[in-house]
mmCIF file of all heavy atoms, coordinates in Angstrom:
data_MODEL
# 
_entry.id   MODEL 
# 
loop_
_atom_site.group_PDB 
_atom_site.id 
_atom_site.type_symbol 
_atom_site.label_atom_id 
_atom_site.label_alt_id 
_atom_site.label_comp_id 
_atom_site.label_asym_id 
_atom_site.label_entity_id 
_atom_site.label_seq_id 
_atom_site.pdbx_PDB_ins_code 
_atom_site.Cartn_x 
_atom_site.Cartn_y 
_atom_site.Cartn_z 
_atom_site.occupancy 
_atom_site.B_iso_or_equiv 
_atom_site.pdbx_formal_charge 
_atom_site.auth_seq_id 
_atom_site.auth_comp_id 
_atom_site.auth_asym_id 
_atom_site.auth_atom_id 
_atom_site.pdbx_PDB_model_num 
ATOM 1   N N   . ASN A 1 1  ? 2.700  -22.518 16.687 1.00 0.00 ? 1  ASN A N   1 
ATOM 2   C CA  . ASN A 1 1  ? 3.628  -22.852 15.605 1.00 0.00 ? 1  ASN A CA  1 
ATOM 3   C C   . ASN A 1 1  ? 3.526  -21.854 14.467 1.00 0.00 ? 1  ASN A C   1 
ATOM 4   O O   . ASN A 1 1  ? 4.512  -21.463 13.852 1.00 0.00 ? 1  ASN A O   1 
ATOM 5   C CB  . ASN A 1 1  ? 3.337  -24.258 15.076 1.00 0.00 ? 1  ASN A CB  1 
ATOM 6   C CG  . ASN A 1 1  ? 3.740  -25.334 16.064 1.00 0.00 ? 1  ASN A CG  1 
ATOM 7   O OD1 . ASN A 1 1  ? 4.580  -25.069 16.928 1.00 0.00 ? 1  ASN A OD1 1 
ATOM 8   N ND2 . ASN A 1 1  ? 3.148  -26.514 15.955 1.00 0.00 ? 1  ASN A ND2 1 
ATOM 9   N N   . LEU A 1 2  ? 2.281  -21.439 14.164 1.00 0.00 ? 2  LEU A N   1 
ATOM 10  C CA  . LEU A 1 2  ? 2.064  -20.468 13.101 1.00 0.00 ? 2  LEU A CA  1 
ATOM 11  C C   . LEU A 1 2  ? 2.743  -19.146 13.428 1.00 0.00 ? 2  LEU A C   1 
ATOM 12  O O   . LEU A 1 2  ? 3.390  -18.524 12.579 1.00 0.00 ? 2  LEU A O   1 
ATOM 13  C CB  . LEU A 1 2  ? 0.555  -20.249 12.901 1.00 0.00 ? 2  LEU A CB  1 
ATOM 14  C CG  . LEU A 1 2  ? 0.146  -19.277 11.777 1.00 0.00 ? 2  LEU A CG  1 
ATOM 15  C CD1 . LEU A 1 2  ? 0.658  -19.792 10.430 1.00 0.00 ? 2  LEU A CD1 1 
ATOM 16  C CD2 . LEU A 1 2  ? -1.363 -19.110 11.739 1.00 0.00 ? 2  LEU A CD2 1 
ATOM 17  N N   . GLY A 1 3  ? 2.619  -18.733 14.703 1.00 0.00 ? 3  GLY A N   1 
ATOM 18  C CA  . GLY A 1 3  ? 3.270  -17.490 15.117 1.00 0.00 ? 3  GLY A CA  1 
ATOM 19  C C   . GLY A 1 3  ? 4.769  -17.572 15.021 1.00 0.00 ? 3  GLY A C   1 
ATOM 20  O O   . GLY A 1 3  ? 5.439  -16.631 14.609 1.00 0.00 ? 3  GLY A O   1 
ATOM 21  N N   . THR A 1 4  ? 5.328  -18.748 15.369 1.00 0.00 ? 4  THR A N   1 
ATOM 22  C CA  . THR A 1 4  ? 6.777  -18.954 15.279 1.00 0.00 ? 4  THR A CA  1 
ATOM 23  C C   . THR A 1 4  ? 7.246  -18.868 13.840 1.00 0.00 ? 4  THR A C   1 
ATOM 24  O O   . THR A 1 4  ? 8.264  -18.248 13.530 1.00 0.00 ? 4  THR A O   1 
ATOM 25  C CB  . THR A 1 4  ? 7.152  -20.322 15.874 1.00 0.00 ? 4  THR A CB  1 
ATOM 26  O OG1 . THR A 1 4  ? 6.711  -20.371 17.219 1.00 0.00 ? 4  THR A OG1 1 
ATOM 27  C CG2 . THR A 1 4  ? 8.658  -20.527 15.819 1.00 0.00 ? 4  THR A CG2 1 
ATOM 28  N N   . LYS A 1 5  ? 6.463  -19.492 12.932 1.00 0.00 ? 5  LYS A N   1 
ATOM 29  C CA  . LYS A 1 5  ? 6.834  -19.466 11.516 1.00 0.00 ? 5  LYS A CA  1 
ATOM 30  C C   . LYS A 1 5  ? 6.832  -18.048 10.967 1.00 0.00 ? 5  LYS A C   1 
ATOM 31  O O   . LYS A 1 5  ? 7.692  -17.651 10.197 1.00 0.00 ? 5  LYS A O   1 
ATOM 32  C CB  . LYS A 1 5  ? 5.858  -20.339 10.710 1.00 0.00 ? 5  LYS A CB  1 
ATOM 33  C CG  . LYS A 1 5  ? 6.082  -21.836 10.910 1.00 0.00 ? 5  LYS A CG  1 
ATOM 34  C CD  . LYS A 1 5  ? 5.087  -22.637 10.092 1.00 0.00 ? 5  LYS A CD  1 
ATOM 35  C CE  . LYS A 1 5  ? 5.290  -24.140 10.301 1.00 0.00 ? 5  LYS A CE  1 
ATOM 36  N NZ  . LYS A 1 5  ? 4.309  -24.939 9.544  1.00 0.00 ? 5  LYS A NZ  1 
ATOM 37  N N   . LYS A 1 6  ? 5.818  -17.274 11.399 1.00 0.00 ? 6  LYS A N   1 
ATOM 38  C CA  . LYS A 1 6  ? 5.748  -15.884 10.942 1.00 0.00 ? 6  LYS A CA  1 
ATOM 39  C C   . LYS A 1 6  ? 6.947  -15.081 11.426 1.00 0.00 ? 6  LYS A C   1 
ATOM 40  O O   . LYS A 1 6  ? 7.514  -14.283 10.689 1.00 0.00 ? 6  LYS A O   1 
ATOM 41  C CB  . LYS A 1 6  ? 4.450  -15.244 11.428 1.00 0.00 ? 6  LYS A CB  1 
ATOM 42  C CG  . LYS A 1 6  ? 3.216  -15.711 10.662 1.00 0.00 ? 6  LYS A CG  1 
ATOM 43  C CD  . LYS A 1 6  ? 1.979  -14.999 11.156 1.00 0.00 ? 6  LYS A CD  1 
ATOM 44  C CE  . LYS A 1 6  ? 0.758  -15.411 10.356 1.00 0.00 ? 6  LYS A CE  1 
ATOM 45  N NZ  . LYS A 1 6  ? -0.469 -14.743 10.846 1.00 0.00 ? 6  LYS A NZ  1 
ATOM 46  N N   . ARG A 1 7  ? 7.321  -15.320 12.687 1.00 0.00 ? 7  ARG A N   1 
ATOM 47  C CA  . ARG A 1 7  ? 8.481  -14.603 13.229 1.00 0.00 ? 7  ARG A CA  1 
ATOM 48  C C   . ARG A 1 7  ? 9.754  -15.001 12.498 1.00 0.00 ? 7  ARG A C   1 
ATOM 49  O O   . ARG A 1 7  ? 10.576 -14.165 12.158 1.00 0.00 ? 7  ARG A O   1 
ATOM 50  C CB  . ARG A 1 7  ? 8.618  -14.878 14.724 1.00 0.00 ? 7  ARG A CB  1 
ATOM 51  C CG  . ARG A 1 7  ? 7.643  -14.088 15.591 1.00 0.00 ? 7  ARG A CG  1 
ATOM 52  C CD  . ARG A 1 7  ? 8.087  -14.101 17.045 1.00 0.00 ? 7  ARG A CD  1 
ATOM 53  N NE  . ARG A 1 7  ? 8.116  -15.448 17.578 1.00 0.00 ? 7  ARG A NE  1 
ATOM 54  C CZ  . ARG A 1 7  ? 7.075  -16.047 18.126 1.00 0.00 ? 7  ARG A CZ  1 
ATOM 55  N NH1 . ARG A 1 7  ? 5.897  -15.437 18.163 1.00 0.00 ? 7  ARG A NH1 1 
ATOM 56  N NH2 . ARG A 1 7  ? 7.188  -17.272 18.609 1.00 0.00 ? 7  ARG A NH2 1 
ATOM 57  N N   . ASN A 1 8  ? 9.903  -16.311 12.229 1.00 0.00 ? 8  ASN A N   1 
ATOM 58  C CA  . ASN A 1 8  ? 11.089 -16.792 11.524 1.00 0.00 ? 8  ASN A CA  1 
ATOM 59  C C   . ASN A 1 8  ? 11.166 -16.230 10.117 1.00 0.00 ? 8  ASN A C   1 
ATOM 60  O O   . ASN A 1 8  ? 12.219 -15.851 9.635  1.00 0.00 ? 8  ASN A O   1 
ATOM 61  C CB  . ASN A 1 8  ? 11.096 -18.325 11.479 1.00 0.00 ? 8  ASN A CB  1 
ATOM 62  C CG  . ASN A 1 8  ? 11.369 -18.940 12.835 1.00 0.00 ? 8  ASN A CG  1 
ATOM 63  O OD1 . ASN A 1 8  ? 11.895 -18.267 13.713 1.00 0.00 ? 8  ASN A OD1 1 
ATOM 64  N ND2 . ASN A 1 8  ? 11.001 -20.198 13.024 1.00 0.00 ? 8  ASN A ND2 1 
ATOM 65  N N   . LEU A 1 9  ? 9.996  -16.183 9.459  1.00 0.00 ? 9  LEU A N   1 
ATOM 66  C CA  . LEU A 1 9  ? 9.953  -15.650 8.101  1.00 0.00 ? 9  LEU A CA  1 
ATOM 67  C C   . LEU A 1 9  ? 10.352 -14.179 8.106  1.00 0.00 ? 9  LEU A C   1 
ATOM 68  O O   . LEU A 1 9  ? 11.118 -13.723 7.263  1.00 0.00 ? 9  LEU A O   1 
ATOM 69  C CB  . LEU A 1 9  ? 8.542  -15.814 7.528  1.00 0.00 ? 9  LEU A CB  1 
ATOM 70  C CG  . LEU A 1 9  ? 8.321  -15.298 6.096  1.00 0.00 ? 9  LEU A CG  1 
ATOM 71  C CD1 . LEU A 1 9  ? 9.234  -16.043 5.128  1.00 0.00 ? 9  LEU A CD1 1 
ATOM 72  C CD2 . LEU A 1 9  ? 6.867  -15.450 5.690  1.00 0.00 ? 9  LEU A CD2 1 
ATOM 73  N N   . SER A 1 10 ? 9.865  -13.468 9.094  1.00 0.00 ? 10 SER A N   1 
ATOM 74  C CA  . SER A 1 10 ? 10.196 -12.054 9.198  1.00 0.00 ? 10 SER A CA  1 
ATOM 75  C C   . SER A 1 10 ? 11.690 -11.852 9.423  1.00 0.00 ? 10 SER A C   1 
ATOM 76  O O   . SER A 1 10 ? 12.316 -10.997 8.809  1.00 0.00 ? 10 SER A O   1 
ATOM 77  C CB  . SER A 1 10 ? 9.399  -11.421 10.338 1.00 0.00 ? 10 SER A CB  1 
ATOM 78  O OG  . SER A 1 10 ? 9.751  -10.074 10.498 1.00 0.00 ? 10 SER A OG  1 
ATOM 79  N N   . GLN A 1 11 ? 12.273 -12.681 10.278 1.00 0.00 ? 11 GLN A N   1 
ATOM 80  C CA  . GLN A 1 11 ? 13.710 -12.591 10.548 1.00 0.00 ? 11 GLN A CA  1 
ATOM 81  C C   . GLN A 1 11 ? 14.518 -12.938 9.298  1.00 0.00 ? 11 GLN A C   1 
ATOM 82  O O   . GLN A 1 11 ? 15.530 -12.311 8.997  1.00 0.00 ? 11 GLN A O   1 
ATOM 83  C CB  . GLN A 1 11 ? 14.076 -13.520 11.697 1.00 0.00 ? 11 GLN A CB  1 
ATOM 84  C CG  . GLN A 1 11 ? 13.558 -13.047 13.046 1.00 0.00 ? 11 GLN A CG  1 
ATOM 85  C CD  . GLN A 1 11 ? 13.697 -14.105 14.130 1.00 0.00 ? 11 GLN A CD  1 
ATOM 86  O OE1 . GLN A 1 11 ? 14.193 -15.194 13.873 1.00 0.00 ? 11 GLN A OE1 1 
ATOM 87  N NE2 . GLN A 1 11 ? 13.243 -13.777 15.318 1.00 0.00 ? 11 GLN A NE2 1 
ATOM 88  N N   . GLU A 1 12 ? 14.041 -13.925 8.552  1.00 0.00 ? 12 GLU A N   1 
ATOM 89  C CA  . GLU A 1 12 ? 14.748 -14.332 7.329  1.00 0.00 ? 12 GLU A CA  1 
ATOM 90  C C   . GLU A 1 12 ? 14.683 -13.235 6.279  1.00 0.00 ? 12 GLU A C   1 
ATOM 91  O O   . GLU A 1 12 ? 15.676 -12.933 5.611  1.00 0.00 ? 12 GLU A O   1 
ATOM 92  C CB  . GLU A 1 12 ? 14.124 -15.617 6.779  1.00 0.00 ? 12 GLU A CB  1 
ATOM 93  C CG  . GLU A 1 12 ? 14.853 -16.165 5.555  1.00 0.00 ? 12 GLU A CG  1 
ATOM 94  C CD  . GLU A 1 12 ? 14.221 -17.446 5.037  1.00 0.00 ? 12 GLU A CD  1 
ATOM 95  O OE1 . GLU A 1 12 ? 13.442 -18.073 5.780  1.00 0.00 ? 12 GLU A OE1 1 
ATOM 96  O OE2 . GLU A 1 12 ? 14.501 -17.806 3.882  1.00 0.00 ? 12 GLU A OE2 1 
ATOM 97  N N   . ASP A 1 13 ? 13.500 -12.621 6.148  1.00 0.00 ? 13 ASP A N   1 
ATOM 98  C CA  . ASP A 1 13 ? 13.365 -11.530 5.188  1.00 0.00 ? 13 ASP A CA  1 
ATOM 99  C C   . ASP A 1 13 ? 14.285 -10.367 5.554  1.00 0.00 ? 13 ASP A C   1 
ATOM 100 O O   . ASP A 1 13 ? 14.912 -9.755  4.687  1.00 0.00 ? 13 ASP A O   1 
ATOM 101 C CB  . ASP A 1 13 ? 11.914 -11.029 5.157  1.00 0.00 ? 13 ASP A CB  1 
ATOM 102 C CG  . ASP A 1 13 ? 10.983 -12.033 4.493  1.00 0.00 ? 13 ASP A CG  1 
ATOM 103 O OD1 . ASP A 1 13 ? 11.499 -12.918 3.791  1.00 0.00 ? 13 ASP A OD1 1 
ATOM 104 O OD2 . ASP A 1 13 ? 9.760  -11.937 4.702  1.00 0.00 ? 13 ASP A OD2 1 
ATOM 105 N N   . LEU A 1 14 ? 14.357 -10.077 6.855  1.00 0.00 ? 14 LEU A N   1 
ATOM 106 C CA  . LEU A 1 14 ? 15.222 -8.998  7.323  1.00 0.00 ? 14 LEU A CA  1 
ATOM 107 C C   . LEU A 1 14 ? 16.680 -9.312  7.025  1.00 0.00 ? 14 LEU A C   1 
ATOM 108 O O   . LEU A 1 14 ? 17.451 -8.442  6.606  1.00 0.00 ? 14 LEU A O   1 
ATOM 109 C CB  . LEU A 1 14 ? 15.022 -8.794  8.825  1.00 0.00 ? 14 LEU A CB  1 
ATOM 110 C CG  . LEU A 1 14 ? 15.718 -7.583  9.462  1.00 0.00 ? 14 LEU A CG  1 
ATOM 111 C CD1 . LEU A 1 14 ? 15.191 -6.293  8.851  1.00 0.00 ? 14 LEU A CD1 1 
ATOM 112 C CD2 . LEU A 1 14 ? 15.500 -7.570  10.968 1.00 0.00 ? 14 LEU A CD2 1 
ATOM 113 N N   . PHE A 1 15 ? 17.056 -10.596 7.215  1.00 0.00 ? 15 PHE A N   1 
ATOM 114 C CA  . PHE A 1 15 ? 18.428 -11.016 6.933  1.00 0.00 ? 15 PHE A CA  1 
ATOM 115 C C   . PHE A 1 15 ? 18.748 -10.851 5.444  1.00 0.00 ? 15 PHE A C   1 
ATOM 116 O O   . PHE A 1 15 ? 19.805 -10.337 5.082  1.00 0.00 ? 15 PHE A O   1 
ATOM 117 C CB  . PHE A 1 15 ? 18.609 -12.480 7.347  1.00 0.00 ? 15 PHE A CB  1 
ATOM 118 C CG  . PHE A 1 15 ? 19.930 -13.069 6.959  1.00 0.00 ? 15 PHE A CG  1 
ATOM 119 C CD1 . PHE A 1 15 ? 21.082 -12.772 7.677  1.00 0.00 ? 15 PHE A CD1 1 
ATOM 120 C CD2 . PHE A 1 15 ? 20.047 -13.900 5.853  1.00 0.00 ? 15 PHE A CD2 1 
ATOM 121 C CE1 . PHE A 1 15 ? 22.307 -13.297 7.314  1.00 0.00 ? 15 PHE A CE1 1 
ATOM 122 C CE2 . PHE A 1 15 ? 21.264 -14.435 5.480  1.00 0.00 ? 15 PHE A CE2 1 
ATOM 123 C CZ  . PHE A 1 15 ? 22.388 -14.133 6.215  1.00 0.00 ? 15 PHE A CZ  1 
ATOM 124 N N   . ASN A 1 16 ? 17.808 -11.267 4.576  1.00 0.00 ? 16 ASN A N   1 
ATOM 125 C CA  . ASN A 1 16 ? 18.025 -11.154 3.131  1.00 0.00 ? 16 ASN A CA  1 
ATOM 126 C C   . ASN A 1 16 ? 18.158 -9.701  2.710  1.00 0.00 ? 16 ASN A C   1 
ATOM 127 O O   . ASN A 1 16 ? 18.979 -9.363  1.856  1.00 0.00 ? 16 ASN A O   1 
ATOM 128 C CB  . ASN A 1 16 ? 16.871 -11.815 2.368  1.00 0.00 ? 16 ASN A CB  1 
ATOM 129 C CG  . ASN A 1 16 ? 16.900 -13.332 2.476  1.00 0.00 ? 16 ASN A CG  1 
ATOM 130 O OD1 . ASN A 1 16 ? 17.944 -13.914 2.765  1.00 0.00 ? 16 ASN A OD1 1 
ATOM 131 N ND2 . ASN A 1 16 ? 15.763 -13.967 2.267  1.00 0.00 ? 16 ASN A ND2 1 
ATOM 132 N N   . PHE A 1 17 ? 17.325 -8.842  3.305  1.00 0.00 ? 17 PHE A N   1 
ATOM 133 C CA  . PHE A 1 17 ? 17.411 -7.422  2.985  1.00 0.00 ? 17 PHE A CA  1 
ATOM 134 C C   . PHE A 1 17 ? 18.768 -6.868  3.399  1.00 0.00 ? 17 PHE A C   1 
ATOM 135 O O   . PHE A 1 17 ? 19.373 -6.073  2.676  1.00 0.00 ? 17 PHE A O   1 
ATOM 136 C CB  . PHE A 1 17 ? 16.300 -6.649  3.698  1.00 0.00 ? 17 PHE A CB  1 
ATOM 137 C CG  . PHE A 1 17 ? 16.386 -5.163  3.502  1.00 0.00 ? 17 PHE A CG  1 
ATOM 138 C CD1 . PHE A 1 17 ? 15.959 -4.571  2.325  1.00 0.00 ? 17 PHE A CD1 1 
ATOM 139 C CD2 . PHE A 1 17 ? 16.928 -4.344  4.484  1.00 0.00 ? 17 PHE A CD2 1 
ATOM 140 C CE1 . PHE A 1 17 ? 16.051 -3.205  2.130  1.00 0.00 ? 17 PHE A CE1 1 
ATOM 141 C CE2 . PHE A 1 17 ? 17.030 -2.973  4.309  1.00 0.00 ? 17 PHE A CE2 1 
ATOM 142 C CZ  . PHE A 1 17 ? 16.582 -2.404  3.124  1.00 0.00 ? 17 PHE A CZ  1 
ATOM 143 N N   . SER A 1 18 ? 19.246 -7.288  4.554  1.00 0.00 ? 18 SER A N   1 
ATOM 144 C CA  . SER A 1 18 ? 20.545 -6.836  5.042  1.00 0.00 ? 18 SER A CA  1 
ATOM 145 C C   . SER A 1 18 ? 21.662 -7.221  4.084  1.00 0.00 ? 18 SER A C   1 
ATOM 146 O O   . SER A 1 18 ? 22.559 -6.419  3.795  1.00 0.00 ? 18 SER A O   1 
ATOM 147 C CB  . SER A 1 18 ? 20.812 -7.429  6.432  1.00 0.00 ? 18 SER A CB  1 
ATOM 148 O OG  . SER A 1 18 ? 22.116 -7.135  6.860  1.00 0.00 ? 18 SER A OG  1 
ATOM 149 N N   . GLU A 1 19 ? 21.597 -8.458  3.568  1.00 0.00 ? 19 GLU A N   1 
ATOM 150 C CA  . GLU A 1 19 ? 22.626 -8.925  2.644  1.00 0.00 ? 19 GLU A CA  1 
ATOM 151 C C   . GLU A 1 19 ? 22.523 -8.212  1.289  1.00 0.00 ? 19 GLU A C   1 
ATOM 152 O O   . GLU A 1 19 ? 23.539 -7.901  0.670  1.00 0.00 ? 19 GLU A O   1 
ATOM 153 C CB  . GLU A 1 19 ? 22.517 -10.440 2.445  1.00 0.00 ? 19 GLU A CB  1 
ATOM 154 C CG  . GLU A 1 19 ? 22.836 -11.253 3.700  1.00 0.00 ? 19 GLU A CG  1 
ATOM 155 C CD  . GLU A 1 19 ? 24.220 -10.948 4.267  1.00 0.00 ? 19 GLU A CD  1 
ATOM 156 O OE1 . GLU A 1 19 ? 25.168 -10.770 3.477  1.00 0.00 ? 19 GLU A OE1 1 
ATOM 157 O OE2 . GLU A 1 19 ? 24.351 -10.874 5.498  1.00 0.00 ? 19 GLU A OE2 1 
ATOM 158 N N   . LEU A 1 20 ? 21.314 -7.956  0.844  1.00 0.00 ? 20 LEU A N   1 
ATOM 159 C CA  . LEU A 1 20 ? 21.132 -7.213  -0.406 1.00 0.00 ? 20 LEU A CA  1 
ATOM 160 C C   . LEU A 1 20 ? 21.656 -5.791  -0.260 1.00 0.00 ? 20 LEU A C   1 
ATOM 161 O O   . LEU A 1 20 ? 22.267 -5.237  -1.176 1.00 0.00 ? 20 LEU A O   1 
ATOM 162 C CB  . LEU A 1 20 ? 19.653 -7.188  -0.805 1.00 0.00 ? 20 LEU A CB  1 
ATOM 163 C CG  . LEU A 1 20 ? 19.060 -8.485  -1.354 1.00 0.00 ? 20 LEU A CG  1 
ATOM 164 C CD1 . LEU A 1 20 ? 17.561 -8.354  -1.549 1.00 0.00 ? 20 LEU A CD1 1 
ATOM 165 C CD2 . LEU A 1 20 ? 19.725 -8.887  -2.677 1.00 0.00 ? 20 LEU A CD2 1 
ATOM 166 N N   . PHE A 1 21 ? 21.425 -5.210  0.918  1.00 0.00 ? 21 PHE A N   1 
ATOM 167 C CA  . PHE A 1 21 ? 21.920 -3.855  1.174  1.00 0.00 ? 21 PHE A CA  1 
ATOM 168 C C   . PHE A 1 21 ? 23.449 -3.812  1.112  1.00 0.00 ? 21 PHE A C   1 
ATOM 169 O O   . PHE A 1 21 ? 24.027 -2.839  0.611  1.00 0.00 ? 21 PHE A O   1 
ATOM 170 C CB  . PHE A 1 21 ? 21.431 -3.368  2.538  1.00 0.00 ? 21 PHE A CB  1 
ATOM 171 C CG  . PHE A 1 21 ? 21.869 -1.960  2.869  1.00 0.00 ? 21 PHE A CG  1 
ATOM 172 C CD1 . PHE A 1 21 ? 21.344 -0.880  2.184  1.00 0.00 ? 21 PHE A CD1 1 
ATOM 173 C CD2 . PHE A 1 21 ? 22.816 -1.726  3.858  1.00 0.00 ? 21 PHE A CD2 1 
ATOM 174 C CE1 . PHE A 1 21 ? 21.749 0.423   2.482  1.00 0.00 ? 21 PHE A CE1 1 
ATOM 175 C CE2 . PHE A 1 21 ? 23.228 -0.440  4.156  1.00 0.00 ? 21 PHE A CE2 1 
ATOM 176 C CZ  . PHE A 1 21 ? 22.687 0.634   3.464  1.00 0.00 ? 21 PHE A CZ  1 
ATOM 177 N N   . LYS A 1 22 ? 24.101 -4.870  1.584  1.00 0.00 ? 22 LYS A N   1 
ATOM 178 C CA  . LYS A 1 22 ? 25.566 -4.931  1.540  1.00 0.00 ? 22 LYS A CA  1 
ATOM 179 C C   . LYS A 1 22 ? 26.082 -4.919  0.106  1.00 0.00 ? 22 LYS A C   1 
ATOM 180 O O   . LYS A 1 22 ? 27.206 -4.477  -0.155 1.00 0.00 ? 22 LYS A O   1 
ATOM 181 C CB  . LYS A 1 22 ? 26.069 -6.174  2.262  1.00 0.00 ? 22 LYS A CB  1 
ATOM 182 C CG  . LYS A 1 22 ? 25.908 -6.127  3.769  1.00 0.00 ? 22 LYS A CG  1 
ATOM 183 C CD  . LYS A 1 22 ? 26.365 -7.427  4.416  1.00 0.00 ? 22 LYS A CD  1 
ATOM 184 C CE  . LYS A 1 22 ? 26.110 -7.421  5.918  1.00 0.00 ? 22 LYS A CE  1 
ATOM 185 N NZ  . LYS A 1 22 ? 26.479 -8.716  6.542  1.00 0.00 ? 22 LYS A NZ  1 
ATOM 186 N N   . LEU A 1 23 ? 25.271 -5.439  -0.834 1.00 0.00 ? 23 LEU A N   1 
ATOM 187 C CA  . LEU A 1 23 ? 25.660 -5.413  -2.243 1.00 0.00 ? 23 LEU A CA  1 
ATOM 188 C C   . LEU A 1 23 ? 25.836 -3.989  -2.750 1.00 0.00 ? 23 LEU A C   1 
ATOM 189 O O   . LEU A 1 23 ? 26.562 -3.744  -3.713 1.00 0.00 ? 23 LEU A O   1 
ATOM 190 C CB  . LEU A 1 23 ? 24.596 -6.110  -3.101 1.00 0.00 ? 23 LEU A CB  1 
ATOM 191 C CG  . LEU A 1 23 ? 24.470 -7.631  -3.035 1.00 0.00 ? 23 LEU A CG  1 
ATOM 192 C CD1 . LEU A 1 23 ? 23.267 -8.085  -3.852 1.00 0.00 ? 23 LEU A CD1 1 
ATOM 193 C CD2 . LEU A 1 23 ? 25.738 -8.309  -3.542 1.00 0.00 ? 23 LEU A CD2 1 
ATOM 194 N N   . MET A 1 24 ? 25.176 -3.046  -2.103 1.00 0.00 ? 24 MET A N   1 
ATOM 195 C CA  . MET A 1 24 ? 25.197 -1.656  -2.561 1.00 0.00 ? 24 MET A CA  1 
ATOM 196 C C   . MET A 1 24 ? 26.436 -0.894  -2.079 1.00 0.00 ? 24 MET A C   1 
ATOM 197 O O   . MET A 1 24 ? 26.556 0.298   -2.326 1.00 0.00 ? 24 MET A O   1 
ATOM 198 C CB  . MET A 1 24 ? 23.930 -0.947  -2.084 1.00 0.00 ? 24 MET A CB  1 
ATOM 199 C CG  . MET A 1 24 ? 22.642 -1.570  -2.597 1.00 0.00 ? 24 MET A CG  1 
ATOM 200 S SD  . MET A 1 24 ? 21.154 -0.844  -1.864 1.00 0.00 ? 24 MET A SD  1 
ATOM 201 C CE  . MET A 1 24 ? 21.108 0.745   -2.692 1.00 0.00 ? 24 MET A CE  1 
ATOM 202 N N   . LYS A 1 25 ? 27.335 -1.595  -1.389 1.00 0.00 ? 25 LYS A N   1 
ATOM 203 C CA  . LYS A 1 25 ? 28.566 -0.985  -0.881 1.00 0.00 ? 25 LYS A CA  1 
ATOM 204 C C   . LYS A 1 25 ? 28.245 0.248   -0.023 1.00 0.00 ? 25 LYS A C   1 
ATOM 205 O O   . LYS A 1 25 ? 28.495 1.397   -0.430 1.00 0.00 ? 25 LYS A O   1 
ATOM 206 C CB  . LYS A 1 25 ? 29.508 -0.618  -2.025 1.00 0.00 ? 25 LYS A CB  1 
ATOM 207 C CG  . LYS A 1 25 ? 29.953 -1.803  -2.859 1.00 0.00 ? 25 LYS A CG  1 
ATOM 208 C CD  . LYS A 1 25 ? 31.013 -1.418  -3.885 1.00 0.00 ? 25 LYS A CD  1 
ATOM 209 C CE  . LYS A 1 25 ? 31.515 -2.631  -4.668 1.00 0.00 ? 25 LYS A CE  1 
ATOM 210 N NZ  . LYS A 1 25 ? 32.561 -2.278  -5.644 1.00 0.00 ? 25 LYS A NZ  1 
ATOM 211 N N   . PRO A 1 26 ? 27.692 0.034   1.172  1.00 0.00 ? 26 PRO A N   1 
ATOM 212 C CA  . PRO A 1 26 ? 27.243 1.150   2.027  1.00 0.00 ? 26 PRO A CA  1 
ATOM 213 C C   . PRO A 1 26 ? 28.297 2.219   2.295  1.00 0.00 ? 26 PRO A C   1 
ATOM 214 O O   . PRO A 1 26 ? 27.975 3.408   2.359  1.00 0.00 ? 26 PRO A O   1 
ATOM 215 C CB  . PRO A 1 26 ? 26.832 0.448   3.326  1.00 0.00 ? 26 PRO A CB  1 
ATOM 216 C CG  . PRO A 1 26 ? 26.475 -0.936  2.906  1.00 0.00 ? 26 PRO A CG  1 
ATOM 217 C CD  . PRO A 1 26 ? 27.395 -1.273  1.772  1.00 0.00 ? 26 PRO A CD  1 
ATOM 218 N N   . ARG A 1 27 ? 29.570 1.808   2.458  1.00 0.00 ? 27 ARG A N   1 
ATOM 219 C CA  . ARG A 1 27 ? 30.611 2.817   2.733  1.00 0.00 ? 27 ARG A CA  1 
ATOM 220 C C   . ARG A 1 27 ? 30.814 3.735   1.544  1.00 0.00 ? 27 ARG A C   1 
ATOM 221 O O   . ARG A 1 27 ? 31.020 4.940   1.701  1.00 0.00 ? 27 ARG A O   1 
ATOM 222 C CB  . ARG A 1 27 ? 31.918 2.125   3.123  1.00 0.00 ? 27 ARG A CB  1 
ATOM 223 C CG  . ARG A 1 27 ? 31.921 1.607   4.548  1.00 0.00 ? 27 ARG A CG  1 
ATOM 224 C CD  . ARG A 1 27 ? 33.262 1.042   4.944  1.00 0.00 ? 27 ARG A CD  1 
ATOM 225 N NE  . ARG A 1 27 ? 33.613 -0.147  4.183  1.00 0.00 ? 27 ARG A NE  1 
ATOM 226 C CZ  . ARG A 1 27 ? 34.713 -0.857  4.352  1.00 0.00 ? 27 ARG A CZ  1 
ATOM 227 N NH1 . ARG A 1 27 ? 35.601 -0.480  5.269  1.00 0.00 ? 27 ARG A NH1 1 
ATOM 228 N NH2 . ARG A 1 27 ? 34.959 -1.931  3.630  1.00 0.00 ? 27 ARG A NH2 1 
# 
């Protein structure tokens, strides 16, 4: 369960970073 939580947290952090990056208007 601990390993699953770590993986989920990592995926969530990656998702948040992706959305923050979109704020920067990549194009």
